Amino acid sequence: MKIRTVNEFSDFLDGEFAWRRKELTTLKNSFQTAPLLARPTHIRAGVAMLYAHWEGFVKTTAEAYITFVGLQRLRYDQLSPQILGLCFHADLVSLQETKGSVAHSSFATFVLTGLGSRAQVPKHGVIETKSNLNAKRFHQIVDILDLDFNPYELKQNIIDAQLLNWRNTIAHGQYICPSDDEFESLYQNVSDFLRNFKDQLENAAVTGRFRRS
């Protein structure tokens, strides 16, 4: 995936959002027109699909943003503290695990002399959802990308107690069926989550939030 310009990134976000929104809208319409006795099945399937698009959209678009940042060909000293920390994460973990002074001094030397070199922004293993994207893990992703968690602050219980818990219960073969109103509310919240996250990523790319101010 080569996303080098802001326009390419915006187009990617629009495409990811559009097909997911279309599928979720079809799902909602199917639920609303289903016979009364068939609605529980539609709701249970719908909860699983809502979660799938929640995790899939966050992971896919966050990774695309990091790829976009990496392709800007910036130096380490041009990156924001959050993205710079992302670049050094593996090194810091390795330093924590080793007792050798050579590794420590080598890293210190790089910090003193290498910040003017082109940044190597990691693309793999950075966005971890662990197939269980709860509010805490999502908060960590938002922090890694230097975005604002405030739009989701009061919605954490919806993410954990409804979206994630209901999905896990259904995925593990247990019976649970939210009411019609609960499902429609969850559908609207997930739709809002996806749009908010999309808008935040696009704004970060347009404004160059990944750059050191």
N, C-alpha and C. Protein backbone atom coordinates (compact mmCIF):
# COMPACT_ATOMS: atom_id res chain seq x y z
N MET A 1 0.85 -1.19 0.00
CA MET A 1 0.00 0.00 0.00
C MET A 1 0.88 1.24 0.00
N LYS A 2 0.88 2.00 -1.09
CA LYS A 2 1.69 3.19 -1.24
C LYS A 2 0.79 4.42 -1.20
N ILE A 3 0.74 5.06 -0.06
CA ILE A 3 -0.08 6.26 0.11
C ILE A 3 0.87 7.40 0.44
N ARG A 4 1.23 8.16 -0.59
CA ARG A 4 2.28 9.17 -0.41
C ARG A 4 1.74 10.58 -0.21
N THR A 5 0.56 10.87 -0.75
CA THR A 5 0.04 12.24 -0.68
C THR A 5 -1.20 12.30 0.21
N VAL A 6 -1.52 13.51 0.63
CA VAL A 6 -2.72 13.71 1.44
C VAL A 6 -3.96 13.30 0.66
N ASN A 7 -4.00 13.64 -0.61
CA ASN A 7 -5.16 13.26 -1.43
C ASN A 7 -5.32 11.75 -1.54
N GLU A 8 -4.21 11.05 -1.70
CA GLU A 8 -4.27 9.58 -1.76
C GLU A 8 -4.77 9.01 -0.43
N PHE A 9 -4.31 9.60 0.66
CA PHE A 9 -4.76 9.12 1.96
C PHE A 9 -6.25 9.41 2.16
N SER A 10 -6.69 10.60 1.77
CA SER A 10 -8.11 10.95 1.88
C SER A 10 -8.97 10.01 1.05
N ASP A 11 -8.51 9.70 -0.16
CA ASP A 11 -9.26 8.78 -1.03
C ASP A 11 -9.34 7.40 -0.39
N PHE A 12 -8.23 6.97 0.22
CA PHE A 12 -8.22 5.67 0.89
C PHE A 12 -9.23 5.64 2.03
N LEU A 13 -9.23 6.69 2.85
CA LEU A 13 -10.18 6.76 3.96
C LEU A 13 -11.62 6.76 3.46
N ASP A 14 -11.88 7.53 2.41
CA ASP A 14 -13.23 7.59 1.85
C ASP A 14 -13.68 6.22 1.36
N GLY A 15 -12.77 5.51 0.70
CA GLY A 15 -13.11 4.19 0.19
C GLY A 15 -13.39 3.19 1.29
N GLU A 16 -12.52 3.19 2.32
CA GLU A 16 -12.71 2.28 3.45
C GLU A 16 -14.02 2.56 4.17
N PHE A 17 -14.31 3.84 4.36
CA PHE A 17 -15.53 4.21 5.07
C PHE A 17 -16.78 3.89 4.25
N ALA A 18 -16.71 4.14 2.95
CA ALA A 18 -17.88 4.00 2.08
C ALA A 18 -18.37 2.56 2.03
N TRP A 19 -17.46 1.60 1.79
CA TRP A 19 -17.93 0.22 1.63
C TRP A 19 -18.43 -0.35 2.95
N ARG A 20 -17.80 0.08 4.05
CA ARG A 20 -18.27 -0.40 5.35
C ARG A 20 -19.62 0.22 5.70
N ARG A 21 -19.76 1.50 5.44
CA ARG A 21 -21.03 2.17 5.72
C ARG A 21 -22.16 1.57 4.89
N LYS A 22 -21.87 1.26 3.62
CA LYS A 22 -22.88 0.65 2.75
C LYS A 22 -23.32 -0.70 3.29
N GLU A 23 -22.36 -1.51 3.73
CA GLU A 23 -22.69 -2.83 4.26
C GLU A 23 -23.49 -2.73 5.55
N LEU A 24 -23.11 -1.80 6.41
CA LEU A 24 -23.83 -1.63 7.67
C LEU A 24 -25.24 -1.07 7.44
N THR A 25 -25.38 -0.19 6.46
CA THR A 25 -26.70 0.34 6.14
C THR A 25 -27.61 -0.76 5.60
N THR A 26 -27.05 -1.61 4.76
CA THR A 26 -27.81 -2.76 4.25
C THR A 26 -28.23 -3.67 5.39
N LEU A 27 -27.32 -3.87 6.33
CA LEU A 27 -27.61 -4.70 7.49
C LEU A 27 -28.75 -4.11 8.32
N LYS A 28 -28.72 -2.81 8.54
CA LYS A 28 -29.75 -2.16 9.32
C LYS A 28 -31.10 -2.24 8.61
N ASN A 29 -31.10 -1.98 7.31
CA ASN A 29 -32.35 -2.05 6.56
C ASN A 29 -32.94 -3.45 6.58
N SER A 30 -32.06 -4.44 6.51
CA SER A 30 -32.51 -5.84 6.56
C SER A 30 -33.16 -6.15 7.89
N PHE A 31 -32.57 -5.64 8.97
CA PHE A 31 -33.14 -5.83 10.31
C PHE A 31 -34.50 -5.16 10.42
N GLN A 32 -34.61 -3.95 9.91
CA GLN A 32 -35.85 -3.18 10.06
C GLN A 32 -37.01 -3.78 9.28
N THR A 33 -36.70 -4.45 8.18
CA THR A 33 -37.76 -5.02 7.34
C THR A 33 -38.00 -6.50 7.62
N ALA A 34 -37.22 -7.08 8.52
CA ALA A 34 -37.37 -8.52 8.81
C ALA A 34 -38.65 -8.79 9.59
N PRO A 35 -39.25 -9.96 9.39
CA PRO A 35 -40.40 -10.35 10.20
C PRO A 35 -40.04 -10.34 11.68
N LEU A 36 -40.98 -10.10 12.53
CA LEU A 36 -40.75 -9.95 13.96
C LEU A 36 -39.99 -11.14 14.55
N LEU A 37 -40.37 -12.35 14.15
CA LEU A 37 -39.73 -13.54 14.71
C LEU A 37 -38.28 -13.71 14.23
N ALA A 38 -37.95 -13.09 13.12
CA ALA A 38 -36.59 -13.23 12.57
C ALA A 38 -35.65 -12.13 13.07
N ARG A 39 -36.19 -11.15 13.75
CA ARG A 39 -35.36 -10.01 14.15
C ARG A 39 -34.22 -10.38 15.11
N PRO A 40 -34.43 -11.27 16.07
CA PRO A 40 -33.30 -11.62 16.94
C PRO A 40 -32.09 -12.14 16.18
N THR A 41 -32.33 -12.94 15.14
CA THR A 41 -31.22 -13.45 14.33
C THR A 41 -30.50 -12.31 13.63
N HIS A 42 -31.25 -11.37 13.09
CA HIS A 42 -30.66 -10.22 12.42
C HIS A 42 -29.87 -9.36 13.41
N ILE A 43 -30.39 -9.21 14.60
CA ILE A 43 -29.70 -8.40 15.61
C ILE A 43 -28.39 -9.04 16.02
N ARG A 44 -28.42 -10.34 16.28
CA ARG A 44 -27.21 -11.04 16.72
C ARG A 44 -26.14 -11.00 15.62
N ALA A 45 -26.55 -11.24 14.39
CA ALA A 45 -25.61 -11.15 13.28
C ALA A 45 -25.12 -9.71 13.11
N GLY A 46 -26.01 -8.77 13.34
CA GLY A 46 -25.66 -7.36 13.21
C GLY A 46 -24.64 -6.91 14.23
N VAL A 47 -24.75 -7.38 15.46
CA VAL A 47 -23.78 -7.03 16.50
C VAL A 47 -22.39 -7.52 16.10
N ALA A 48 -22.32 -8.75 15.62
CA ALA A 48 -21.03 -9.30 15.20
C ALA A 48 -20.43 -8.49 14.05
N MET A 49 -21.29 -8.06 13.12
CA MET A 49 -20.81 -7.28 11.98
C MET A 49 -20.39 -5.88 12.40
N LEU A 50 -21.11 -5.28 13.32
CA LEU A 50 -20.72 -3.96 13.82
C LEU A 50 -19.34 -4.01 14.45
N TYR A 51 -19.09 -5.04 15.25
CA TYR A 51 -17.76 -5.15 15.86
C TYR A 51 -16.69 -5.37 14.79
N ALA A 52 -16.98 -6.22 13.82
CA ALA A 52 -16.00 -6.51 12.77
C ALA A 52 -15.58 -5.23 12.04
N HIS A 53 -16.54 -4.37 11.74
CA HIS A 53 -16.21 -3.14 11.05
C HIS A 53 -15.52 -2.14 11.98
N TRP A 54 -15.86 -2.17 13.25
CA TRP A 54 -15.19 -1.31 14.23
C TRP A 54 -13.71 -1.64 14.31
N GLU A 55 -13.39 -2.90 14.54
CA GLU A 55 -11.99 -3.30 14.64
C GLU A 55 -11.28 -3.17 13.29
N GLY A 56 -11.94 -3.61 12.24
CA GLY A 56 -11.32 -3.59 10.92
C GLY A 56 -11.00 -2.18 10.45
N PHE A 57 -11.92 -1.26 10.67
CA PHE A 57 -11.70 0.11 10.21
C PHE A 57 -10.59 0.79 11.00
N VAL A 58 -10.61 0.63 12.32
CA VAL A 58 -9.57 1.26 13.15
C VAL A 58 -8.20 0.73 12.77
N LYS A 59 -8.06 -0.58 12.68
CA LYS A 59 -6.75 -1.17 12.39
C LYS A 59 -6.26 -0.81 10.99
N THR A 60 -7.13 -0.94 10.01
CA THR A 60 -6.74 -0.70 8.62
C THR A 60 -6.36 0.76 8.38
N THR A 61 -7.18 1.68 8.87
CA THR A 61 -6.92 3.09 8.62
C THR A 61 -5.75 3.62 9.46
N ALA A 62 -5.60 3.11 10.67
CA ALA A 62 -4.46 3.53 11.50
C ALA A 62 -3.15 3.08 10.87
N GLU A 63 -3.11 1.85 10.38
CA GLU A 63 -1.90 1.36 9.71
C GLU A 63 -1.62 2.15 8.43
N ALA A 64 -2.68 2.53 7.71
CA ALA A 64 -2.49 3.33 6.50
C ALA A 64 -1.92 4.70 6.84
N TYR A 65 -2.36 5.27 7.95
CA TYR A 65 -1.84 6.57 8.37
C TYR A 65 -0.35 6.49 8.69
N ILE A 66 0.04 5.44 9.41
CA ILE A 66 1.45 5.26 9.75
C ILE A 66 2.28 5.06 8.48
N THR A 67 1.75 4.30 7.54
CA THR A 67 2.43 4.13 6.25
C THR A 67 2.59 5.46 5.54
N PHE A 68 1.53 6.26 5.53
CA PHE A 68 1.56 7.58 4.92
C PHE A 68 2.64 8.45 5.56
N VAL A 69 2.70 8.45 6.89
CA VAL A 69 3.71 9.24 7.60
C VAL A 69 5.12 8.77 7.22
N GLY A 70 5.30 7.46 7.17
CA GLY A 70 6.62 6.91 6.83
C GLY A 70 7.08 7.30 5.44
N LEU A 71 6.14 7.50 4.52
CA LEU A 71 6.47 7.83 3.14
C LEU A 71 6.68 9.33 2.91
N GLN A 72 6.61 10.11 3.99
CA GLN A 72 6.85 11.55 3.85
C GLN A 72 8.35 11.86 3.84
N ARG A 73 9.16 10.85 4.11
CA ARG A 73 10.63 10.98 4.02
C ARG A 73 11.17 12.06 4.97
N LEU A 74 10.61 12.06 6.17
CA LEU A 74 11.06 13.03 7.17
C LEU A 74 12.24 12.50 7.97
N ARG A 75 12.98 13.41 8.57
CA ARG A 75 14.04 13.03 9.50
C ARG A 75 13.42 12.77 10.88
N TYR A 76 14.16 12.07 11.71
CA TYR A 76 13.69 11.81 13.07
C TYR A 76 13.40 13.12 13.81
N ASP A 77 14.26 14.12 13.62
CA ASP A 77 14.08 15.37 14.35
C ASP A 77 12.94 16.23 13.80
N GLN A 78 12.27 15.75 12.75
CA GLN A 78 11.12 16.46 12.21
C GLN A 78 9.79 15.85 12.66
N LEU A 79 9.87 14.74 13.38
CA LEU A 79 8.66 14.01 13.79
C LEU A 79 8.14 14.50 15.14
N SER A 80 6.82 14.37 15.31
CA SER A 80 6.22 14.70 16.60
C SER A 80 6.72 13.70 17.64
N PRO A 81 6.67 14.06 18.93
CA PRO A 81 7.13 13.13 19.97
C PRO A 81 6.44 11.78 19.92
N GLN A 82 5.14 11.76 19.59
CA GLN A 82 4.40 10.49 19.56
C GLN A 82 4.92 9.58 18.45
N ILE A 83 5.11 10.12 17.26
CA ILE A 83 5.60 9.30 16.15
C ILE A 83 7.07 8.93 16.37
N LEU A 84 7.82 9.84 16.95
CA LEU A 84 9.22 9.52 17.26
C LEU A 84 9.29 8.38 18.27
N GLY A 85 8.43 8.42 19.26
CA GLY A 85 8.38 7.32 20.23
C GLY A 85 8.02 6.00 19.58
N LEU A 86 7.15 6.08 18.58
CA LEU A 86 6.78 4.88 17.83
C LEU A 86 8.00 4.29 17.11
N CYS A 87 8.82 5.16 16.55
CA CYS A 87 10.02 4.71 15.84
C CYS A 87 11.00 4.02 16.80
N PHE A 88 11.06 4.49 18.02
CA PHE A 88 12.04 3.98 18.98
C PHE A 88 11.47 2.89 19.89
N HIS A 89 10.22 2.54 19.70
CA HIS A 89 9.58 1.61 20.64
C HIS A 89 10.33 0.29 20.74
N ALA A 90 10.65 -0.31 19.60
CA ALA A 90 11.33 -1.61 19.61
C ALA A 90 12.70 -1.50 20.29
N ASP A 91 13.42 -0.41 20.03
CA ASP A 91 14.72 -0.21 20.65
C ASP A 91 14.60 -0.07 22.16
N LEU A 92 13.59 0.67 22.58
CA LEU A 92 13.42 0.89 24.02
C LEU A 92 13.06 -0.41 24.74
N VAL A 93 12.22 -1.22 24.10
CA VAL A 93 11.88 -2.52 24.68
C VAL A 93 13.12 -3.40 24.78
N SER A 94 13.93 -3.40 23.71
CA SER A 94 15.16 -4.19 23.70
C SER A 94 16.13 -3.72 24.78
N LEU A 95 16.24 -2.41 24.96
CA LEU A 95 17.15 -1.87 25.97
C LEU A 95 16.70 -2.26 27.38
N GLN A 96 15.40 -2.31 27.55
CA GLN A 96 14.86 -2.67 28.86
C GLN A 96 15.18 -4.12 29.21
N GLU A 97 15.28 -4.95 28.17
CA GLU A 97 15.49 -6.38 28.39
C GLU A 97 16.97 -6.76 28.49
N THR A 98 17.86 -5.88 28.01
CA THR A 98 19.28 -6.23 28.01
C THR A 98 20.02 -5.53 29.14
N LYS A 99 21.03 -6.19 29.64
CA LYS A 99 21.85 -5.63 30.72
C LYS A 99 23.15 -5.02 30.17
N GLY A 100 23.39 -5.24 28.87
CA GLY A 100 24.68 -4.84 28.30
C GLY A 100 24.80 -3.34 28.12
N SER A 101 25.94 -2.80 28.50
CA SER A 101 26.17 -1.36 28.37
C SER A 101 26.44 -0.97 26.93
N VAL A 102 26.87 -1.93 26.10
CA VAL A 102 27.17 -1.62 24.70
C VAL A 102 25.90 -1.19 23.98
N ALA A 103 24.82 -1.92 24.19
CA ALA A 103 23.55 -1.58 23.55
C ALA A 103 23.06 -0.22 24.02
N HIS A 104 23.23 0.04 25.30
CA HIS A 104 22.79 1.32 25.86
C HIS A 104 23.58 2.48 25.26
N SER A 105 24.88 2.34 25.21
CA SER A 105 25.71 3.42 24.68
C SER A 105 25.49 3.60 23.18
N SER A 106 25.22 2.49 22.48
CA SER A 106 24.96 2.57 21.05
C SER A 106 23.69 3.37 20.78
N PHE A 107 22.66 3.12 21.58
CA PHE A 107 21.41 3.86 21.41
C PHE A 107 21.61 5.33 21.78
N ALA A 108 22.36 5.58 22.84
CA ALA A 108 22.62 6.95 23.26
C ALA A 108 23.39 7.71 22.17
N THR A 109 24.32 7.04 21.53
CA THR A 109 25.08 7.66 20.44
C THR A 109 24.16 8.03 19.29
N PHE A 110 23.23 7.12 18.98
CA PHE A 110 22.28 7.41 17.91
C PHE A 110 21.43 8.64 18.25
N VAL A 111 20.97 8.72 19.50
CA VAL A 111 20.16 9.86 19.91
C VAL A 111 20.94 11.16 19.75
N LEU A 112 22.23 11.12 20.03
CA LEU A 112 23.05 12.32 19.96
C LEU A 112 23.43 12.69 18.53
N THR A 113 23.57 11.70 17.67
CA THR A 113 24.12 11.98 16.34
C THR A 113 23.21 11.60 15.17
N GLY A 114 22.20 10.77 15.43
CA GLY A 114 21.44 10.21 14.31
C GLY A 114 20.07 10.80 14.08
N LEU A 115 19.66 11.79 14.89
CA LEU A 115 18.31 12.32 14.75
C LEU A 115 18.12 13.10 13.45
N GLY A 116 19.22 13.45 12.81
CA GLY A 116 19.13 14.16 11.53
C GLY A 116 19.01 13.24 10.34
N SER A 117 19.02 11.92 10.57
CA SER A 117 18.90 10.97 9.47
C SER A 117 17.43 10.69 9.17
N ARG A 118 17.19 10.10 8.00
CA ARG A 118 15.81 9.82 7.60
C ARG A 118 15.16 8.80 8.54
N ALA A 119 13.98 9.11 8.96
CA ALA A 119 13.28 8.26 9.92
C ALA A 119 12.80 6.96 9.28
N GLN A 120 12.94 5.88 10.01
CA GLN A 120 12.39 4.59 9.62
C GLN A 120 11.17 4.33 10.50
N VAL A 121 10.01 4.64 9.96
CA VAL A 121 8.77 4.48 10.72
C VAL A 121 8.27 3.05 10.57
N PRO A 122 8.14 2.30 11.65
CA PRO A 122 7.71 0.90 11.55
C PRO A 122 6.29 0.79 11.04
N LYS A 123 6.06 -0.20 10.19
CA LYS A 123 4.73 -0.39 9.60
C LYS A 123 4.00 -1.59 10.18
N HIS A 124 4.73 -2.56 10.70
CA HIS A 124 4.11 -3.81 11.13
C HIS A 124 4.16 -3.97 12.65
N GLY A 125 3.11 -4.56 13.18
CA GLY A 125 3.08 -4.85 14.61
C GLY A 125 2.92 -3.63 15.48
N VAL A 126 2.49 -2.52 14.89
CA VAL A 126 2.35 -1.27 15.66
C VAL A 126 0.94 -1.14 16.22
N ILE A 127 -0.05 -1.39 15.38
CA ILE A 127 -1.44 -1.27 15.79
C ILE A 127 -1.94 -2.64 16.22
N GLU A 128 -2.04 -2.84 17.51
CA GLU A 128 -2.43 -4.13 18.06
C GLU A 128 -3.86 -4.07 18.60
N THR A 129 -4.76 -4.78 17.95
CA THR A 129 -6.13 -4.88 18.46
C THR A 129 -6.35 -6.18 19.20
N LYS A 130 -5.52 -7.18 18.91
CA LYS A 130 -5.60 -8.50 19.54
C LYS A 130 -7.00 -9.12 19.41
N SER A 131 -7.67 -8.80 18.31
CA SER A 131 -9.03 -9.30 18.05
C SER A 131 -9.96 -9.02 19.22
N ASN A 132 -9.68 -7.96 19.94
CA ASN A 132 -10.44 -7.64 21.15
C ASN A 132 -10.28 -6.14 21.42
N LEU A 133 -10.82 -5.33 20.52
CA LEU A 133 -10.58 -3.89 20.59
C LEU A 133 -11.49 -3.23 21.62
N ASN A 134 -11.02 -3.26 22.86
CA ASN A 134 -11.78 -2.61 23.93
C ASN A 134 -11.41 -1.13 24.00
N ALA A 135 -12.04 -0.41 24.93
CA ALA A 135 -11.82 1.03 25.03
C ALA A 135 -10.38 1.35 25.42
N LYS A 136 -9.80 0.57 26.31
CA LYS A 136 -8.42 0.83 26.74
C LYS A 136 -7.45 0.67 25.58
N ARG A 137 -7.62 -0.40 24.80
CA ARG A 137 -6.72 -0.63 23.67
C ARG A 137 -6.92 0.43 22.59
N PHE A 138 -8.16 0.82 22.39
CA PHE A 138 -8.44 1.88 21.43
C PHE A 138 -7.81 3.20 21.88
N HIS A 139 -7.87 3.47 23.18
CA HIS A 139 -7.26 4.68 23.73
C HIS A 139 -5.75 4.68 23.45
N GLN A 140 -5.12 3.52 23.59
CA GLN A 140 -3.69 3.41 23.32
C GLN A 140 -3.38 3.72 21.86
N ILE A 141 -4.22 3.23 20.95
CA ILE A 141 -4.03 3.50 19.53
C ILE A 141 -4.17 4.99 19.24
N VAL A 142 -5.19 5.60 19.83
CA VAL A 142 -5.41 7.04 19.66
C VAL A 142 -4.20 7.82 20.17
N ASP A 143 -3.63 7.40 21.30
CA ASP A 143 -2.45 8.07 21.84
C ASP A 143 -1.23 7.90 20.94
N ILE A 144 -1.05 6.69 20.41
CA ILE A 144 0.08 6.42 19.51
C ILE A 144 0.04 7.36 18.31
N LEU A 145 -1.17 7.62 17.82
CA LEU A 145 -1.33 8.44 16.62
C LEU A 145 -1.44 9.93 16.96
N ASP A 146 -1.39 10.26 18.24
CA ASP A 146 -1.50 11.65 18.68
C ASP A 146 -2.83 12.27 18.27
N LEU A 147 -3.91 11.52 18.46
CA LEU A 147 -5.25 12.02 18.18
C LEU A 147 -5.93 12.39 19.49
N ASP A 148 -7.18 12.83 19.40
CA ASP A 148 -7.92 13.28 20.57
C ASP A 148 -8.92 12.21 20.99
N PHE A 149 -8.82 11.77 22.24
CA PHE A 149 -9.72 10.72 22.73
C PHE A 149 -11.03 11.30 23.28
N ASN A 150 -11.13 12.59 23.42
CA ASN A 150 -12.31 13.21 24.04
C ASN A 150 -13.64 12.81 23.40
N PRO A 151 -13.72 12.68 22.06
CA PRO A 151 -15.01 12.30 21.47
C PRO A 151 -15.50 10.92 21.90
N TYR A 152 -14.59 10.10 22.43
CA TYR A 152 -14.95 8.73 22.82
C TYR A 152 -14.98 8.55 24.33
N GLU A 153 -14.57 9.58 25.06
CA GLU A 153 -14.40 9.46 26.51
C GLU A 153 -15.66 8.96 27.20
N LEU A 154 -16.80 9.52 26.86
CA LEU A 154 -18.05 9.16 27.52
C LEU A 154 -18.72 7.95 26.87
N LYS A 155 -18.07 7.38 25.87
CA LYS A 155 -18.63 6.24 25.15
C LYS A 155 -17.89 4.94 25.46
N GLN A 156 -16.96 4.96 26.41
CA GLN A 156 -16.14 3.78 26.68
C GLN A 156 -16.99 2.60 27.14
N ASN A 157 -18.01 2.87 27.92
CA ASN A 157 -18.86 1.79 28.40
C ASN A 157 -19.63 1.14 27.26
N ILE A 158 -19.98 1.93 26.25
CA ILE A 158 -20.66 1.38 25.08
C ILE A 158 -19.72 0.44 24.33
N ILE A 159 -18.46 0.84 24.20
CA ILE A 159 -17.48 0.00 23.52
C ILE A 159 -17.28 -1.31 24.26
N ASP A 160 -17.12 -1.25 25.59
CA ASP A 160 -16.79 -2.44 26.36
C ASP A 160 -18.00 -3.30 26.72
N ALA A 161 -19.02 -2.67 27.28
CA ALA A 161 -20.16 -3.43 27.81
C ALA A 161 -21.14 -3.87 26.73
N GLN A 162 -21.18 -3.13 25.63
CA GLN A 162 -22.12 -3.48 24.58
C GLN A 162 -21.40 -4.06 23.36
N LEU A 163 -20.71 -3.21 22.63
CA LEU A 163 -20.10 -3.67 21.38
C LEU A 163 -19.21 -4.88 21.58
N LEU A 164 -18.28 -4.82 22.53
CA LEU A 164 -17.33 -5.92 22.72
C LEU A 164 -17.96 -7.09 23.47
N ASN A 165 -18.63 -6.82 24.57
CA ASN A 165 -19.19 -7.90 25.38
C ASN A 165 -20.28 -8.66 24.63
N TRP A 166 -21.17 -7.95 23.97
CA TRP A 166 -22.23 -8.62 23.20
C TRP A 166 -21.62 -9.44 22.07
N ARG A 167 -20.64 -8.87 21.39
CA ARG A 167 -20.00 -9.60 20.29
C ARG A 167 -19.32 -10.86 20.79
N ASN A 168 -18.58 -10.76 21.90
CA ASN A 168 -17.88 -11.93 22.43
C ASN A 168 -18.85 -13.02 22.86
N THR A 169 -19.94 -12.61 23.48
CA THR A 169 -20.95 -13.58 23.91
C THR A 169 -21.52 -14.32 22.71
N ILE A 170 -21.85 -13.58 21.67
CA ILE A 170 -22.40 -14.18 20.46
C ILE A 170 -21.37 -15.06 19.75
N ALA A 171 -20.13 -14.55 19.65
CA ALA A 171 -19.07 -15.29 18.96
C ALA A 171 -18.72 -16.59 19.66
N HIS A 172 -18.94 -16.65 20.99
CA HIS A 172 -18.64 -17.85 21.75
C HIS A 172 -19.83 -18.80 21.85
N GLY A 173 -20.84 -18.53 21.04
CA GLY A 173 -21.95 -19.46 20.92
C GLY A 173 -22.97 -19.38 22.03
N GLN A 174 -22.96 -18.30 22.80
CA GLN A 174 -23.93 -18.13 23.86
C GLN A 174 -25.06 -17.24 23.37
N TYR A 175 -26.21 -17.38 24.02
CA TYR A 175 -27.36 -16.59 23.55
C TYR A 175 -27.47 -15.28 24.29
N ILE A 176 -27.52 -14.23 23.52
CA ILE A 176 -27.82 -12.90 24.01
C ILE A 176 -28.44 -12.15 22.84
N CYS A 177 -29.45 -11.35 23.13
CA CYS A 177 -30.10 -10.61 22.05
C CYS A 177 -30.54 -9.25 22.57
N PRO A 178 -29.79 -8.21 22.22
CA PRO A 178 -30.21 -6.87 22.59
C PRO A 178 -31.58 -6.53 22.01
N SER A 179 -32.24 -5.56 22.60
CA SER A 179 -33.54 -5.14 22.09
C SER A 179 -33.38 -4.37 20.78
N ASP A 180 -34.48 -4.14 20.08
CA ASP A 180 -34.43 -3.39 18.84
C ASP A 180 -33.80 -2.01 19.06
N ASP A 181 -34.23 -1.33 20.11
CA ASP A 181 -33.72 0.01 20.40
C ASP A 181 -32.23 -0.03 20.74
N GLU A 182 -31.81 -1.03 21.50
CA GLU A 182 -30.39 -1.15 21.85
C GLU A 182 -29.54 -1.38 20.61
N PHE A 183 -30.03 -2.20 19.71
CA PHE A 183 -29.27 -2.47 18.49
C PHE A 183 -29.17 -1.21 17.62
N GLU A 184 -30.28 -0.49 17.46
CA GLU A 184 -30.25 0.71 16.64
C GLU A 184 -29.34 1.77 17.26
N SER A 185 -29.33 1.86 18.58
CA SER A 185 -28.44 2.80 19.26
C SER A 185 -26.98 2.41 19.05
N LEU A 186 -26.68 1.12 19.15
CA LEU A 186 -25.32 0.64 18.93
C LEU A 186 -24.89 0.90 17.49
N TYR A 187 -25.78 0.67 16.56
CA TYR A 187 -25.49 0.94 15.15
C TYR A 187 -25.10 2.40 14.96
N GLN A 188 -25.86 3.31 15.57
CA GLN A 188 -25.58 4.74 15.42
C GLN A 188 -24.25 5.11 16.07
N ASN A 189 -23.98 4.54 17.24
CA ASN A 189 -22.72 4.85 17.93
C ASN A 189 -21.52 4.37 17.14
N VAL A 190 -21.58 3.15 16.61
CA VAL A 190 -20.46 2.63 15.83
C VAL A 190 -20.27 3.46 14.57
N SER A 191 -21.35 3.85 13.93
CA SER A 191 -21.25 4.71 12.75
C SER A 191 -20.56 6.02 13.10
N ASP A 192 -20.91 6.58 14.26
CA ASP A 192 -20.27 7.82 14.72
C ASP A 192 -18.79 7.61 15.02
N PHE A 193 -18.46 6.46 15.65
CA PHE A 193 -17.05 6.15 15.96
C PHE A 193 -16.22 6.13 14.68
N LEU A 194 -16.72 5.44 13.68
CA LEU A 194 -15.97 5.31 12.43
C LEU A 194 -15.78 6.66 11.75
N ARG A 195 -16.85 7.45 11.71
CA ARG A 195 -16.74 8.77 11.06
C ARG A 195 -15.80 9.68 11.84
N ASN A 196 -15.90 9.68 13.17
CA ASN A 196 -15.01 10.51 13.97
C ASN A 196 -13.54 10.14 13.76
N PHE A 197 -13.27 8.83 13.78
CA PHE A 197 -11.89 8.37 13.61
C PHE A 197 -11.38 8.72 12.23
N LYS A 198 -12.22 8.55 11.22
CA LYS A 198 -11.85 8.92 9.85
C LYS A 198 -11.52 10.40 9.77
N ASP A 199 -12.38 11.25 10.33
CA ASP A 199 -12.17 12.69 10.27
C ASP A 199 -10.89 13.09 11.02
N GLN A 200 -10.62 12.44 12.15
CA GLN A 200 -9.42 12.76 12.91
C GLN A 200 -8.16 12.40 12.13
N LEU A 201 -8.15 11.23 11.51
CA LEU A 201 -6.98 10.82 10.73
C LEU A 201 -6.77 11.74 9.53
N GLU A 202 -7.85 12.08 8.86
CA GLU A 202 -7.73 12.96 7.70
C GLU A 202 -7.22 14.33 8.11
N ASN A 203 -7.74 14.85 9.21
CA ASN A 203 -7.29 16.15 9.70
C ASN A 203 -5.81 16.11 10.10
N ALA A 204 -5.39 14.99 10.72
CA ALA A 204 -3.99 14.84 11.13
C ALA A 204 -3.07 14.86 9.91
N ALA A 205 -3.51 14.22 8.83
CA ALA A 205 -2.71 14.20 7.61
C ALA A 205 -2.66 15.57 6.95
N VAL A 206 -3.81 16.24 6.87
CA VAL A 206 -3.90 17.54 6.22
C VAL A 206 -3.08 18.59 6.96
N THR A 207 -3.16 18.58 8.30
CA THR A 207 -2.47 19.60 9.10
C THR A 207 -1.03 19.24 9.42
N GLY A 208 -0.62 18.02 9.05
CA GLY A 208 0.76 17.61 9.35
C GLY A 208 0.98 17.44 10.85
N ARG A 209 0.01 16.88 11.51
CA ARG A 209 0.09 16.69 12.97
C ARG A 209 1.28 15.80 13.37
N PHE A 210 1.73 14.98 12.44
CA PHE A 210 2.83 14.05 12.70
C PHE A 210 4.18 14.76 12.71
N ARG A 211 4.19 16.03 12.31
CA ARG A 211 5.44 16.79 12.30
C ARG A 211 5.69 17.45 13.65
N ARG A 212 6.94 17.61 13.96
CA ARG A 212 7.31 18.31 15.18
C ARG A 212 6.95 19.78 15.05
N SER A 213 6.26 20.33 16.04
CA SER A 213 5.83 21.72 15.97
C SER A 213 6.99 22.65 16.37
